[in-house]
């Protein structure tokens, strides 16, 4: 869950910065972020609350993201556009939910 929080932080930053910067550069070392955030020494409930808050904000940003910026590029170690960031983030969440919840995830879809 900690990794999902970090992913939300970075993708939120990407979607905001691409609206006012030309080709923003936003990458992160996901293993170092998890280690340095020290999620393993936090209560799971605290991490879930953080994820919910970040996810709500990110979904809000996705819903009001301007259509004319969907093709704007973001450097994430390779150039992608904002539309890709949105689609990829949602697929990334589904991927990890399947890992976390296993077969029970099917009933959540």
PDB file of N, CA and C in Angstrom:
ATOM      1  N   UNK A   1       0.828  -1.204   0.000  1.00  0.00           N
ATOM      2  CA  UNK A   1       0.000   0.000   0.000  1.00  0.00           C
ATOM      3  C   UNK A   1       0.864   1.256   0.000  1.00  0.00           C
ATOM      4  N   UNK A   2       2.018   1.181   0.664  1.00  0.00           N
ATOM      5  CA  UNK A   2       2.908   2.340   0.677  1.00  0.00           C
ATOM      6  C   UNK A   2       3.345   2.730  -0.726  1.00  0.00           C
ATOM      7  N   UNK A   3       3.667   1.734  -1.528  1.00  0.00           N
ATOM      8  CA  UNK A   3       4.052   1.995  -2.919  1.00  0.00           C
ATOM      9  C   UNK A   3       2.925   2.693  -3.672  1.00  0.00           C
ATOM     10  N   UNK A   4       1.683   2.300  -3.410  1.00  0.00           N
ATOM     11  CA  UNK A   4       0.553   2.942  -4.078  1.00  0.00           C
ATOM     12  C   UNK A   4       0.404   4.399  -3.654  1.00  0.00           C
ATOM     13  N   UNK A   5       0.738   4.704  -2.408  1.00  0.00           N
ATOM     14  CA  UNK A   5       0.731   6.098  -1.944  1.00  0.00           C
ATOM     15  C   UNK A   5       1.777   6.908  -2.690  1.00  0.00           C
ATOM     16  N   UNK A   6       2.980   6.356  -2.806  1.00  0.00           N
ATOM     17  CA  UNK A   6       4.048   7.058  -3.514  1.00  0.00           C
ATOM     18  C   UNK A   6       3.705   7.258  -4.984  1.00  0.00           C
ATOM     19  N   UNK A   7       3.086   6.256  -5.586  1.00  0.00           N
ATOM     20  CA  UNK A   7       2.666   6.369  -6.973  1.00  0.00           C
ATOM     21  C   UNK A   7       1.646   7.499  -7.135  1.00  0.00           C
ATOM     22  N   UNK A   8       0.713   7.591  -6.206  1.00  0.00           N
ATOM     23  CA  UNK A   8      -0.285   8.664  -6.259  1.00  0.00           C
ATOM     24  C   UNK A   8       0.378  10.031  -6.127  1.00  0.00           C
ATOM     25  N   UNK A   9       1.341  10.155  -5.217  1.00  0.00           N
ATOM     26  CA  UNK A   9       2.061  11.425  -5.028  1.00  0.00           C
ATOM     27  C   UNK A   9       2.720  11.857  -6.332  1.00  0.00           C
ATOM     28  N   UNK A  10       3.417  10.940  -6.968  1.00  0.00           N
ATOM     29  CA  UNK A  10       4.152  11.294  -8.184  1.00  0.00           C
ATOM     30  C   UNK A  10       3.232  11.550  -9.377  1.00  0.00           C
ATOM     31  N   UNK A  11       2.181  10.772  -9.498  1.00  0.00           N
ATOM     32  CA  UNK A  11       1.277  10.994 -10.619  1.00  0.00           C
ATOM     33  C   UNK A  11       0.450  12.260 -10.447  1.00  0.00           C
ATOM     34  N   UNK A  12       0.104  12.595  -9.232  1.00  0.00           N
ATOM     35  CA  UNK A  12      -0.572  13.870  -8.989  1.00  0.00           C
ATOM     36  C   UNK A  12       0.338  15.025  -9.390  1.00  0.00           C
ATOM     37  N   UNK A  13       1.602  14.941  -8.974  1.00  0.00           N
ATOM     38  CA  UNK A  13       2.567  15.979  -9.345  1.00  0.00           C
ATOM     39  C   UNK A  13       2.706  16.081 -10.869  1.00  0.00           C
ATOM     40  N   UNK A  14       2.758  14.956 -11.526  1.00  0.00           N
ATOM     41  CA  UNK A  14       2.891  14.965 -12.987  1.00  0.00           C
ATOM     42  C   UNK A  14       1.702  15.668 -13.646  1.00  0.00           C
ATOM     43  N   UNK A  15       0.490  15.332 -13.187  1.00  0.00           N
ATOM     44  CA  UNK A  15      -0.705  15.910 -13.815  1.00  0.00           C
ATOM     45  C   UNK A  15      -0.853  17.397 -13.516  1.00  0.00           C
ATOM     46  N   UNK A  16      -0.328  17.846 -12.428  1.00  0.00           N
ATOM     47  CA  UNK A  16      -0.376  19.282 -12.129  1.00  0.00           C
ATOM     48  C   UNK A  16       0.702  20.024 -12.918  1.00  0.00           C
ATOM     49  N   UNK A  17       1.916  19.517 -12.853  1.00  0.00           N
ATOM     50  CA  UNK A  17       3.030  20.214 -13.503  1.00  0.00           C
ATOM     51  C   UNK A  17       2.894  20.271 -15.017  1.00  0.00           C
ATOM     52  N   UNK A  18       2.320  19.238 -15.645  1.00  0.00           N
ATOM     53  CA  UNK A  18       2.195  19.226 -17.101  1.00  0.00           C
ATOM     54  C   UNK A  18       1.243  20.319 -17.588  1.00  0.00           C
ATOM     55  N   UNK A  19       0.442  20.870 -16.680  1.00  0.00           N
ATOM     56  CA  UNK A  19      -0.481  21.935 -17.065  1.00  0.00           C
ATOM     57  C   UNK A  19       0.194  23.304 -17.150  1.00  0.00           C
ATOM     58  N   UNK A  20       1.353  23.456 -16.502  1.00  0.00           N
ATOM     59  CA  UNK A  20       2.005  24.769 -16.549  1.00  0.00           C
ATOM     60  C   UNK A  20       3.483  24.717 -16.927  1.00  0.00           C
ATOM     61  N   UNK A  21       4.054  23.525 -17.064  1.00  0.00           N
ATOM     62  CA  UNK A  21       5.444  23.388 -17.475  1.00  0.00           C
ATOM     63  C   UNK A  21       5.519  22.704 -18.832  1.00  0.00           C
ATOM     64  N   UNK A  22       6.528  23.048 -19.585  1.00  0.00           N
ATOM     65  CA  UNK A  22       6.801  22.376 -20.843  1.00  0.00           C
ATOM     66  C   UNK A  22       7.612  21.116 -20.552  1.00  0.00           C
ATOM     67  N   UNK A  23       7.055  19.934 -20.828  1.00  0.00           N
ATOM     68  CA  UNK A  23       7.737  18.649 -20.658  1.00  0.00           C
ATOM     69  C   UNK A  23       8.386  18.483 -19.273  1.00  0.00           C
ATOM     70  N   UNK A  24       7.596  18.491 -18.197  1.00  0.00           N
ATOM     71  CA  UNK A  24       8.187  18.314 -16.858  1.00  0.00           C
ATOM     72  C   UNK A  24       8.890  16.971 -16.722  1.00  0.00           C
ATOM     73  N   UNK A  25       9.894  16.932 -15.878  1.00  0.00           N
ATOM     74  CA  UNK A  25      10.683  15.728 -15.614  1.00  0.00           C
ATOM     75  C   UNK A  25      10.360  15.261 -14.205  1.00  0.00           C
ATOM     76  N   UNK A  26       9.642  14.130 -14.090  1.00  0.00           N
ATOM     77  CA  UNK A  26       9.230  13.614 -12.791  1.00  0.00           C
ATOM     78  C   UNK A  26       9.424  12.095 -12.772  1.00  0.00           C
ATOM     79  N   UNK A  27      10.543  11.664 -12.207  1.00  0.00           N
ATOM     80  CA  UNK A  27      10.779  10.238 -12.022  1.00  0.00           C
ATOM     81  C   UNK A  27      11.020   9.989 -10.540  1.00  0.00           C
ATOM     82  N   UNK A  28      10.974   8.731 -10.155  1.00  0.00           N
ATOM     83  CA  UNK A  28      11.304   8.395  -8.773  1.00  0.00           C
ATOM     84  C   UNK A  28      11.764   6.958  -8.679  1.00  0.00           C
ATOM     85  N   UNK A  29      12.569   6.697  -7.689  1.00  0.00           N
ATOM     86  CA  UNK A  29      13.049   5.346  -7.402  1.00  0.00           C
ATOM     87  C   UNK A  29      12.064   4.752  -6.405  1.00  0.00           C
ATOM     88  N   UNK A  30      11.159   3.906  -6.894  1.00  0.00           N
ATOM     89  CA  UNK A  30      10.062   3.424  -6.057  1.00  0.00           C
ATOM     90  C   UNK A  30      10.544   2.625  -4.849  1.00  0.00           C
ATOM     91  N   UNK A  31      11.603   1.861  -4.988  1.00  0.00           N
ATOM     92  CA  UNK A  31      12.098   1.085  -3.848  1.00  0.00           C
ATOM     93  C   UNK A  31      12.674   1.993  -2.766  1.00  0.00           C
ATOM     94  N   UNK A  32      13.414   3.022  -3.179  1.00  0.00           N
ATOM     95  CA  UNK A  32      13.975   3.967  -2.208  1.00  0.00           C
ATOM     96  C   UNK A  32      12.880   4.768  -1.516  1.00  0.00           C
ATOM     97  N   UNK A  33      11.850   5.151  -2.270  1.00  0.00           N
ATOM     98  CA  UNK A  33      10.746   5.894  -1.658  1.00  0.00           C
ATOM     99  C   UNK A  33      10.061   5.061  -0.585  1.00  0.00           C
ATOM    100  N   UNK A  34       9.794   3.800  -0.887  1.00  0.00           N
ATOM    101  CA  UNK A  34       9.139   2.933   0.103  1.00  0.00           C
ATOM    102  C   UNK A  34      10.043   2.781   1.324  1.00  0.00           C
ATOM    103  N   UNK A  35      11.325   2.540   1.084  1.00  0.00           N
ATOM    104  CA  UNK A  35      12.261   2.371   2.204  1.00  0.00           C
ATOM    105  C   UNK A  35      12.345   3.640   3.056  1.00  0.00           C
ATOM    106  N   UNK A  36      12.499   4.783   2.399  1.00  0.00           N
ATOM    107  CA  UNK A  36      12.673   6.035   3.140  1.00  0.00           C
ATOM    108  C   UNK A  36      11.382   6.544   3.773  1.00  0.00           C
ATOM    109  N   UNK A  37      10.260   6.168   3.216  1.00  0.00           N
ATOM    110  CA  UNK A  37       8.979   6.520   3.849  1.00  0.00           C
ATOM    111  C   UNK A  37       8.741   5.649   5.086  1.00  0.00           C
ATOM    112  N   UNK A  38       9.465   4.527   5.153  1.00  0.00           N
ATOM    113  CA  UNK A  38       9.420   3.636   6.317  1.00  0.00           C
ATOM    114  C   UNK A  38       8.002   3.106   6.579  1.00  0.00           C
ATOM    115  N   UNK A  39       7.310   2.769   5.510  1.00  0.00           N
ATOM    116  CA  UNK A  39       5.949   2.254   5.636  1.00  0.00           C
ATOM    117  C   UNK A  39       5.885   0.980   6.475  1.00  0.00           C
ATOM    118  N   UNK A  40       6.951   0.187   6.408  1.00  0.00           N
ATOM    119  CA  UNK A  40       6.931  -1.090   7.133  1.00  0.00           C
ATOM    120  C   UNK A  40       6.815  -0.910   8.645  1.00  0.00           C
ATOM    121  N   UNK A  41       7.062   0.295   9.141  1.00  0.00           N
ATOM    122  CA  UNK A  41       6.930   0.564  10.576  1.00  0.00           C
ATOM    123  C   UNK A  41       5.727   1.449  10.897  1.00  0.00           C
ATOM    124  N   UNK A  42       4.742   1.426  10.016  1.00  0.00           N
ATOM    125  CA  UNK A  42       3.502   2.163  10.245  1.00  0.00           C
ATOM    126  C   UNK A  42       2.351   1.162  10.336  1.00  0.00           C
ATOM    127  N   UNK A  43       1.308   1.554  10.997  1.00  0.00           N
ATOM    128  CA  UNK A  43       0.105   0.726  11.025  1.00  0.00           C
ATOM    129  C   UNK A  43      -0.532   0.724   9.639  1.00  0.00           C
ATOM    130  N   UNK A  44      -0.995  -0.428   9.223  1.00  0.00           N
ATOM    131  CA  UNK A  44      -1.621  -0.561   7.914  1.00  0.00           C
ATOM    132  C   UNK A  44      -2.770   0.418   7.756  1.00  0.00           C
ATOM    133  N   UNK A  45      -3.543   0.625   8.820  1.00  0.00           N
ATOM    134  CA  UNK A  45      -4.689   1.539   8.755  1.00  0.00           C
ATOM    135  C   UNK A  45      -4.241   2.960   8.396  1.00  0.00           C
ATOM    136  N   UNK A  46      -3.104   3.396   8.912  1.00  0.00           N
ATOM    137  CA  UNK A  46      -2.596   4.736   8.603  1.00  0.00           C
ATOM    138  C   UNK A  46      -2.232   4.852   7.125  1.00  0.00           C
ATOM    139  N   UNK A  47      -1.638   3.805   6.585  1.00  0.00           N
ATOM    140  CA  UNK A  47      -1.258   3.819   5.169  1.00  0.00           C
ATOM    141  C   UNK A  47      -2.499   3.825   4.292  1.00  0.00           C
ATOM    142  N   UNK A  48      -3.513   3.075   4.686  1.00  0.00           N
ATOM    143  CA  UNK A  48      -4.757   3.037   3.913  1.00  0.00           C
ATOM    144  C   UNK A  48      -5.432   4.410   3.929  1.00  0.00           C
ATOM    145  N   UNK A  49      -5.466   5.059   5.075  1.00  0.00           N
ATOM    146  CA  UNK A  49      -6.060   6.402   5.168  1.00  0.00           C
ATOM    147  C   UNK A  49      -5.305   7.378   4.263  1.00  0.00           C
ATOM    148  N   UNK A  50      -3.982   7.292   4.258  1.00  0.00           N
ATOM    149  CA  UNK A  50      -3.178   8.146   3.382  1.00  0.00           C
ATOM    150  C   UNK A  50      -3.495   7.852   1.923  1.00  0.00           C
ATOM    151  N   UNK A  51      -3.550   6.575   1.557  1.00  0.00           N
ATOM    152  CA  UNK A  51      -3.844   6.210   0.176  1.00  0.00           C
ATOM    153  C   UNK A  51      -5.214   6.733  -0.239  1.00  0.00           C
ATOM    154  N   UNK A  52      -6.212   6.592   0.608  1.00  0.00           N
ATOM    155  CA  UNK A  52      -7.561   7.058   0.274  1.00  0.00           C
ATOM    156  C   UNK A  52      -7.546   8.562   0.007  1.00  0.00           C
ATOM    157  N   UNK A  53      -6.898   9.327   0.876  1.00  0.00           N
ATOM    158  CA  UNK A  53      -6.849  10.781   0.703  1.00  0.00           C
ATOM    159  C   UNK A  53      -6.128  11.164  -0.593  1.00  0.00           C
ATOM    160  N   UNK A  54      -4.980  10.554  -0.843  1.00  0.00           N
ATOM    161  CA  UNK A  54      -4.228  10.847  -2.071  1.00  0.00           C
ATOM    162  C   UNK A  54      -5.014  10.433  -3.304  1.00  0.00           C
ATOM    163  N   UNK A  55      -5.639   9.262  -3.237  1.00  0.00           N
ATOM    164  CA  UNK A  55      -6.388   8.749  -4.373  1.00  0.00           C
ATOM    165  C   UNK A  55      -7.597   9.640  -4.681  1.00  0.00           C
ATOM    166  N   UNK A  56      -8.280  10.098  -3.661  1.00  0.00           N
ATOM    167  CA  UNK A  56      -9.416  11.000  -3.879  1.00  0.00           C
ATOM    168  C   UNK A  56      -8.958  12.275  -4.589  1.00  0.00           C
ATOM    169  N   UNK A  57      -7.835  12.828  -4.168  1.00  0.00           N
ATOM    170  CA  UNK A  57      -7.324  14.042  -4.804  1.00  0.00           C
ATOM    171  C   UNK A  57      -6.904  13.766  -6.243  1.00  0.00           C
ATOM    172  N   UNK A  58      -6.267  12.643  -6.466  1.00  0.00           N
ATOM    173  CA  UNK A  58      -5.830  12.308  -7.821  1.00  0.00           C
ATOM    174  C   UNK A  58      -7.022  12.075  -8.743  1.00  0.00           C
ATOM    175  N   UNK A  59      -8.046  11.390  -8.264  1.00  0.00           N
ATOM    176  CA  UNK A  59      -9.259  11.186  -9.071  1.00  0.00           C
ATOM    177  C   UNK A  59      -9.920  12.530  -9.371  1.00  0.00           C
ATOM    178  N   UNK A  60      -9.951  13.414  -8.387  1.00  0.00           N
ATOM    179  CA  UNK A  60     -10.487  14.767  -8.602  1.00  0.00           C
ATOM    180  C   UNK A  60      -9.708  15.462  -9.714  1.00  0.00           C
ATOM    181  N   UNK A  61      -8.384  15.368  -9.685  1.00  0.00           N
ATOM    182  CA  UNK A  61      -7.540  16.003 -10.699  1.00  0.00           C
ATOM    183  C   UNK A  61      -7.796  15.372 -12.059  1.00  0.00           C
ATOM    184  N   UNK A  62      -7.942  14.046 -12.103  1.00  0.00           N
ATOM    185  CA  UNK A  62      -8.207  13.382 -13.384  1.00  0.00           C
ATOM    186  C   UNK A  62      -9.541  13.826 -13.972  1.00  0.00           C
ATOM    187  N   UNK A  63     -10.552  13.961 -13.126  1.00  0.00           N
ATOM    188  CA  UNK A  63     -11.881  14.357 -13.606  1.00  0.00           C
ATOM    189  C   UNK A  63     -11.892  15.760 -14.182  1.00  0.00           C
ATOM    190  N   UNK A  64     -11.116  16.670 -13.602  1.00  0.00           N
ATOM    191  CA  UNK A  64     -11.137  18.049 -14.116  1.00  0.00           C
ATOM    192  C   UNK A  64      -9.909  18.378 -14.964  1.00  0.00           C
ATOM    193  N   UNK A  65      -9.197  17.336 -15.408  1.00  0.00           N
ATOM    194  CA  UNK A  65      -8.016  17.568 -16.231  1.00  0.00           C
ATOM    195  C   UNK A  65      -8.453  18.123 -17.578  1.00  0.00           C
ATOM    196  N   UNK A  66      -7.833  19.214 -18.029  1.00  0.00           N
ATOM    197  CA  UNK A  66      -8.255  19.827 -19.294  1.00  0.00           C
ATOM    198  C   UNK A  66      -7.945  18.946 -20.511  1.00  0.00           C
ATOM    199  N   UNK A  67      -8.945  18.745 -21.350  1.00  0.00           N
ATOM    200  CA  UNK A  67      -8.786  17.922 -22.552  1.00  0.00           C
ATOM    201  C   UNK A  67      -7.653  18.408 -23.443  1.00  0.00           C
ATOM    202  N   UNK A  68      -7.445  19.726 -23.496  1.00  0.00           N
ATOM    203  CA  UNK A  68      -6.409  20.258 -24.382  1.00  0.00           C
ATOM    204  C   UNK A  68      -4.991  19.996 -23.863  1.00  0.00           C
ATOM    205  N   UNK A  69      -4.863  19.398 -22.679  1.00  0.00           N
ATOM    206  CA  UNK A  69      -3.550  19.069 -22.126  1.00  0.00           C
ATOM    207  C   UNK A  69      -3.262  17.567 -22.145  1.00  0.00           C
ATOM    208  N   UNK A  70      -4.205  16.751 -22.606  1.00  0.00           N
ATOM    209  CA  UNK A  70      -4.020  15.298 -22.593  1.00  0.00           C
ATOM    210  C   UNK A  70      -2.829  14.843 -23.434  1.00  0.00           C
ATOM    211  N   UNK A  71      -2.498  15.590 -24.476  1.00  0.00           N
ATOM    212  CA  UNK A  71      -1.363  15.222 -25.330  1.00  0.00           C
ATOM    213  C   UNK A  71      -0.058  15.875 -24.900  1.00  0.00           C
ATOM    214  N   UNK A  72      -0.079  16.663 -23.823  1.00  0.00           N
ATOM    215  CA  UNK A  72       1.142  17.310 -23.325  1.00  0.00           C
ATOM    216  C   UNK A  72       2.089  16.242 -22.780  1.00  0.00           C
ATOM    217  N   UNK A  73       3.381  16.420 -23.033  1.00  0.00           N
ATOM    218  CA  UNK A  73       4.346  15.392 -22.667  1.00  0.00           C
ATOM    219  C   UNK A  73       4.950  15.602 -21.282  1.00  0.00           C
ATOM    220  N   UNK A  74       5.284  14.459 -20.682  1.00  0.00           N
ATOM    221  CA  UNK A  74       5.905  14.395 -19.363  1.00  0.00           C
ATOM    222  C   UNK A  74       7.070  13.425 -19.496  1.00  0.00           C
ATOM    223  N   UNK A  75       8.221  13.804 -18.968  1.00  0.00           N
ATOM    224  CA  UNK A  75       9.387  12.921 -18.985  1.00  0.00           C
ATOM    225  C   UNK A  75       9.414  12.120 -17.690  1.00  0.00           C
ATOM    226  N   UNK A  76       9.157  10.831 -17.801  1.00  0.00           N
ATOM    227  CA  UNK A  76       9.161   9.930 -16.645  1.00  0.00           C
ATOM    228  C   UNK A  76      10.316   8.932 -16.773  1.00  0.00           C
ATOM    229  N   UNK A  77      11.362   9.375 -17.473  1.00  0.00           N
ATOM    230  CA  UNK A  77      12.460   8.496 -17.849  1.00  0.00           C
ATOM    231  C   UNK A  77      12.347   8.157 -19.325  1.00  0.00           C
ATOM    232  N   UNK A  78      11.163   8.360 -19.838  1.00  0.00           N
ATOM    233  CA  UNK A  78      10.830   8.340 -21.266  1.00  0.00           C
ATOM    234  C   UNK A  78       9.685   9.324 -21.418  1.00  0.00           C
ATOM    235  N   UNK A  79       9.493   9.837 -22.620  1.00  0.00           N
ATOM    236  CA  UNK A  79       8.410  10.791 -22.820  1.00  0.00           C
ATOM    237  C   UNK A  79       7.087  10.075 -23.027  1.00  0.00           C
ATOM    238  N   UNK A  80       6.103  10.490 -22.237  1.00  0.00           N
ATOM    239  CA  UNK A  80       4.734  10.001 -22.369  1.00  0.00           C
ATOM    240  C   UNK A  80       3.820  11.221 -22.308  1.00  0.00           C
ATOM    241  N   UNK A  81       2.561  11.034 -22.642  1.00  0.00           N
ATOM    242  CA  UNK A  81       1.653  12.171 -22.530  1.00  0.00           C
ATOM    243  C   UNK A  81       0.749  12.017 -21.305  1.00  0.00           C
ATOM    244  N   UNK A  82       0.061  13.086 -20.976  1.00  0.00           N
ATOM    245  CA  UNK A  82      -0.779  13.103 -19.775  1.00  0.00           C
ATOM    246  C   UNK A  82      -1.897  12.066 -19.854  1.00  0.00           C
ATOM    247  N   UNK A  83      -2.454  11.857 -21.040  1.00  0.00           N
ATOM    248  CA  UNK A  83      -3.488  10.840 -21.201  1.00  0.00           C
ATOM    249  C   UNK A  83      -2.960   9.457 -20.843  1.00  0.00           C
ATOM    250  N   UNK A  84      -1.731   9.177 -21.232  1.00  0.00           N
ATOM    251  CA  UNK A  84      -1.106   7.902 -20.877  1.00  0.00           C
ATOM    252  C   UNK A  84      -0.949   7.792 -19.365  1.00  0.00           C
ATOM    253  N   UNK A  85      -0.522   8.869 -18.705  1.00  0.00           N
ATOM    254  CA  UNK A  85      -0.339   8.860 -17.240  1.00  0.00           C
ATOM    255  C   UNK A  85      -1.650   8.462 -16.559  1.00  0.00           C
ATOM    256  N   UNK A  86      -2.748   9.032 -17.008  1.00  0.00           N
ATOM    257  CA  UNK A  86      -4.056   8.728 -16.409  1.00  0.00           C
ATOM    258  C   UNK A  86      -4.419   7.257 -16.622  1.00  0.00           C
ATOM    259  N   UNK A  87      -4.340   6.795 -17.857  1.00  0.00           N
ATOM    260  CA  UNK A  87      -4.692   5.394 -18.155  1.00  0.00           C
ATOM    261  C   UNK A  87      -3.764   4.428 -17.421  1.00  0.00           C
ATOM    262  N   UNK A  88      -2.474   4.727 -17.420  1.00  0.00           N
ATOM    263  CA  UNK A  88      -1.492   3.846 -16.800  1.00  0.00           C
ATOM    264  C   UNK A  88      -1.675   3.796 -15.282  1.00  0.00           C
ATOM    265  N   UNK A  89      -2.001   4.929 -14.674  1.00  0.00           N
ATOM    266  CA  UNK A  89      -2.207   4.942 -13.223  1.00  0.00           C
ATOM    267  C   UNK A  89      -3.367   4.025 -12.841  1.00  0.00           C
ATOM    268  N   UNK A  90      -4.459   4.112 -13.582  1.00  0.00           N
ATOM    269  CA  UNK A  90      -5.623   3.279 -13.277  1.00  0.00           C
ATOM    270  C   UNK A  90      -5.305   1.798 -13.471  1.00  0.00           C
ATOM    271  N   UNK A  91      -4.572   1.462 -14.529  1.00  0.00           N
ATOM    272  CA  UNK A  91      -4.169   0.070 -14.758  1.00  0.00           C
ATOM    273  C   UNK A  91      -3.218  -0.394 -13.651  1.00  0.00           C
ATOM    274  N   UNK A  92      -2.345   0.484 -13.218  1.00  0.00           N
ATOM    275  CA  UNK A  92      -1.390   0.175 -12.144  1.00  0.00           C
ATOM    276  C   UNK A  92      -2.126  -0.142 -10.851  1.00  0.00           C
ATOM    277  N   UNK A  93      -3.163   0.621 -10.539  1.00  0.00           N
ATOM    278  CA  UNK A  93      -3.965   0.355  -9.345  1.00  0.00           C
ATOM    279  C   UNK A  93      -4.630  -1.020  -9.439  1.00  0.00           C
ATOM    280  N   UNK A  94      -5.251  -1.304 -10.580  1.00  0.00           N
ATOM    281  CA  UNK A  94      -5.912  -2.608 -10.765  1.00  0.00           C
ATOM    282  C   UNK A  94      -4.912  -3.749 -10.603  1.00  0.00           C
ATOM    283  N   UNK A  95      -3.729  -3.592 -11.183  1.00  0.00           N
ATOM    284  CA  UNK A  95      -2.683  -4.619 -11.077  1.00  0.00           C
ATOM    285  C   UNK A  95      -2.362  -4.928  -9.621  1.00  0.00           C
ATOM    286  N   UNK A  96      -2.130  -3.873  -8.829  1.00  0.00           N
ATOM    287  CA  UNK A  96      -1.764  -4.086  -7.432  1.00  0.00           C
ATOM    288  C   UNK A  96      -2.949  -4.548  -6.580  1.00  0.00           C
ATOM    289  N   UNK A  97      -4.155  -4.135  -6.907  1.00  0.00           N
ATOM    290  CA  UNK A  97      -5.325  -4.628  -6.178  1.00  0.00           C
ATOM    291  C   UNK A  97      -5.478  -6.132  -6.375  1.00  0.00           C
ATOM    292  N   UNK A  98      -5.209  -6.590  -7.593  1.00  0.00           N
ATOM    293  CA  UNK A  98      -5.273  -8.028  -7.839  1.00  0.00           C
ATOM    294  C   UNK A  98      -4.228  -8.758  -7.009  1.00  0.00           C
ATOM    295  N   UNK A  99      -3.039  -8.148  -6.842  1.00  0.00           N
ATOM    296  CA  UNK A  99      -2.007  -8.747  -5.998  1.00  0.00           C
ATOM    297  C   UNK A  99      -2.443  -8.784  -4.540  1.00  0.00           C
ATOM    298  N   UNK A 100      -3.037  -7.694  -4.076  1.00  0.00           N
ATOM    299  CA  UNK A 100      -3.428  -7.570  -2.666  1.00  0.00           C
ATOM    300  C   UNK A 100      -4.626  -8.451  -2.340  1.00  0.00           C
ATOM    301  N   UNK A 101      -5.663  -8.386  -3.185  1.00  0.00           N
ATOM    302  CA  UNK A 101      -6.922  -9.048  -2.877  1.00  0.00           C
ATOM    303  C   UNK A 101      -7.104 -10.397  -3.567  1.00  0.00           C
ATOM    304  N   UNK A 102      -6.242 -10.728  -4.511  1.00  0.00           N
ATOM    305  CA  UNK A 102      -6.334 -12.006  -5.204  1.00  0.00           C
ATOM    306  C   UNK A 102      -7.679 -12.175  -5.891  1.00  0.00           C
ATOM    307  N   UNK A 103      -8.236 -13.364  -5.801  1.00  0.00           N
ATOM    308  CA  UNK A 103      -9.514 -13.670  -6.433  1.00  0.00           C
ATOM    309  C   UNK A 103     -10.668 -12.826  -5.913  1.00  0.00           C
ATOM    310  N   UNK A 104     -10.548 -12.331  -4.689  1.00  0.00           N
ATOM    311  CA  UNK A 104     -11.615 -11.498  -4.128  1.00  0.00           C
ATOM    312  C   UNK A 104     -11.755 -10.189  -4.894  1.00  0.00           C
ATOM    313  N   UNK A 105     -10.691  -9.774  -5.608  1.00  0.00           N
ATOM    314  CA  UNK A 105     -10.747  -8.514  -6.361  1.00  0.00           C
ATOM    315  C   UNK A 105     -11.796  -8.572  -7.452  1.00  0.00           C
ATOM    316  N   UNK A 106     -12.008  -9.723  -8.068  1.00  0.00           N
ATOM    317  CA  UNK A 106     -12.998  -9.848  -9.137  1.00  0.00           C
ATOM    318  C   UNK A 106     -14.368  -9.355  -8.684  1.00  0.00           C
ATOM    319  N   UNK A 107     -14.709  -9.601  -7.433  1.00  0.00           N
ATOM    320  CA  UNK A 107     -16.024  -9.183  -6.930  1.00  0.00           C
ATOM    321  C   UNK A 107     -16.068  -7.673  -6.697  1.00  0.00           C
ATOM    322  N   UNK A 108     -14.898  -7.012  -6.661  1.00  0.00           N
ATOM    323  CA  UNK A 108     -14.849  -5.560  -6.476  1.00  0.00           C
ATOM    324  C   UNK A 108     -14.975  -4.818  -7.800  1.00  0.00           C
ATOM    325  N   UNK A 109     -14.720  -5.504  -8.913  1.00  0.00           N
ATOM    326  CA  UNK A 109     -14.745  -4.841 -10.233  1.00  0.00           C
ATOM    327  C   UNK A 109     -16.149  -4.556 -10.680  1.00  0.00           C
TER     328      UNK A 109
END
